[in-house]
Protein backbone atom coordinates (compact mmCIF):
# COMPACT_ATOMS: atom_id res chain seq x y z
CA MET A 1 25.96 68.48 -9.74
CA ASN A 2 24.16 70.33 -12.29
CA GLY A 3 20.67 71.65 -12.13
CA ASN A 4 19.65 68.40 -13.99
CA SER A 5 20.05 66.37 -11.15
CA ILE A 6 17.88 65.40 -8.09
CA LEU A 7 17.45 62.45 -5.05
CA VAL A 8 14.19 61.04 -5.44
CA ASP A 9 12.70 60.43 -1.95
CA THR A 10 10.87 56.71 -1.34
CA ASN A 11 7.26 57.96 -1.23
CA ILE A 12 8.22 59.90 -4.60
CA VAL A 13 8.97 56.34 -5.91
CA LEU A 14 5.99 55.19 -4.67
CA TYR A 15 3.81 57.18 -6.01
CA LEU A 16 5.43 57.15 -9.15
CA LEU A 17 4.94 53.69 -9.59
CA GLY A 18 1.67 53.42 -8.46
CA GLY A 19 0.72 55.59 -11.11
CA ASP A 20 0.92 59.20 -10.47
CA LYS A 21 1.39 61.00 -13.34
CA THR A 22 1.87 64.36 -11.96
CA ILE A 23 5.49 63.53 -10.89
CA ILE A 24 6.81 62.80 -14.39
CA PRO A 25 7.28 66.55 -15.36
CA LEU A 26 9.45 66.91 -12.12
CA LEU A 27 11.52 64.31 -12.96
CA GLN A 28 11.64 64.27 -16.42
CA ASP A 29 15.01 64.91 -18.04
CA LYS A 30 16.93 64.62 -14.86
CA GLN A 31 19.71 62.65 -14.03
CA LEU A 32 17.72 60.52 -11.35
CA PHE A 33 19.90 59.65 -7.99
CA VAL A 34 18.55 57.60 -5.23
CA SER A 35 20.40 56.69 -2.13
CA PHE A 36 20.98 53.06 -0.62
CA ILE A 37 18.01 53.52 2.04
CA THR A 38 15.56 53.90 -0.33
CA GLN A 39 16.53 51.17 -2.48
CA LEU A 40 16.43 49.24 0.46
CA GLU A 41 13.24 50.47 2.08
CA LEU A 42 11.34 49.82 -1.48
CA LEU A 43 12.67 46.17 -2.03
CA SER A 44 12.20 45.17 1.49
CA PHE A 45 8.46 46.12 1.74
CA LYS A 46 6.79 42.81 3.02
CA ASN A 47 4.61 40.77 -0.04
CA LEU A 48 6.45 42.03 -3.09
CA THR A 49 4.86 40.27 -5.69
CA LYS A 50 7.55 39.19 -8.17
CA ASN A 51 5.93 42.14 -10.76
CA GLN A 52 6.27 44.45 -8.24
CA ILE A 53 9.98 44.15 -7.63
CA ILE A 54 10.76 43.82 -11.31
CA LYS A 55 9.17 47.24 -11.37
CA ILE A 56 11.38 48.82 -8.92
CA GLU A 57 14.28 47.27 -10.27
CA LYS A 58 13.92 48.43 -13.48
CA PHE A 59 13.35 52.23 -12.15
CA LEU A 60 16.26 51.80 -9.58
CA SER A 61 18.16 50.64 -12.84
CA GLU A 62 17.71 54.21 -14.43
CA CYS A 63 19.18 55.51 -11.31
CA THR A 64 22.35 56.46 -9.69
CA ILE A 65 22.37 54.47 -6.46
CA VAL A 66 24.36 56.55 -3.95
CA ASP A 67 26.01 54.24 -1.12
CA ILE A 68 27.15 55.46 2.57
CA ASN A 69 30.66 57.40 2.72
CA SER A 70 32.39 59.75 5.77
CA LYS A 71 31.29 62.59 4.19
CA ILE A 72 27.40 61.30 3.94
CA LYS A 73 27.95 59.92 7.46
CA GLU A 74 29.40 62.98 8.80
CA HIS A 75 26.25 64.83 7.25
CA THR A 76 24.24 62.30 8.73
CA ILE A 77 25.70 62.49 12.45
CA ASN A 78 25.16 66.88 12.15
CA ILE A 79 21.42 66.56 11.07
CA ARG A 80 20.49 63.89 13.74
CA ARG A 81 22.35 65.45 16.25
CA LYS A 82 20.43 68.65 15.47
CA ASN A 83 16.84 67.28 14.86
CA LEU A 84 14.28 64.22 16.07
CA ILE A 85 14.53 62.63 12.52
CA LYS A 86 14.68 58.87 12.18
CA LEU A 87 18.10 57.67 11.07
CA PRO A 88 17.26 57.11 7.28
CA ASP A 89 15.96 60.08 6.57
CA CYS A 90 18.77 62.00 7.96
CA ILE A 91 21.19 59.61 5.86
CA ILE A 92 19.10 60.60 2.63
CA ILE A 93 19.00 64.33 3.39
CA ALA A 94 22.75 63.67 4.04
CA THR A 95 23.23 62.26 0.46
CA SER A 96 21.45 65.18 -0.44
CA LEU A 97 23.72 67.48 1.10
CA TYR A 98 26.66 65.40 -0.11
CA LEU A 99 25.70 65.46 -3.49
CA ASN A 100 24.51 68.82 -3.56
CA VAL A 101 21.35 68.26 -5.20
CA PRO A 102 17.61 68.95 -4.33
CA LEU A 103 15.95 65.67 -2.67
CA ILE A 104 12.37 65.45 -3.78
CA SER A 105 9.88 64.19 -1.86
CA ALA A 106 6.63 64.53 -0.10
CA ASP A 107 7.53 64.14 3.91
CA SER A 108 6.43 67.48 5.33
CA GLN A 109 8.85 66.96 8.08
CA PHE A 110 11.67 67.73 6.32
CA ASN A 111 10.75 70.86 5.78
CA LYS A 112 12.28 71.86 9.53
CA ILE A 113 15.74 71.02 7.81
CA LYS A 114 17.14 74.38 6.47
CA GLU A 115 20.55 73.40 5.57
CA PHE A 116 18.98 71.68 2.23
CA ASN A 117 17.70 71.93 -1.17
CA LEU A 118 14.10 70.24 -0.77
CA ILE A 119 11.43 69.90 -3.41
CA LEU A 120 8.04 69.33 -1.51
CA TYR A 121 5.70 67.19 -3.38
CA GLN A 122 2.18 67.50 -2.24
CA LYS A 123 -0.65 65.31 -4.12
């Protein structure tokens, strides 16, 4: 991948869709990737309104959704064996490794994992 690509974590999408304008420059002019995990998390929140679903689906339509594959599974297993991180988070980190692009997230626990490129967003 080139330097214009980035994997976007669920919390970043939520901040962005919630109106946080400080994220826009970090994502602007980038090719956005989203793990299928993020897609599932975003669309499965309880009590989403029809307008919220439309907003989420519009954002996702502008991203490349990355499904799981054997390489992501392999990375996930290795990360999970070494770290006490939830499986969905391991899959997202593994997706970043697979794509060889940075992950932008507000999840500070990702700082523990040194094998990948993290852009830690702080509000």
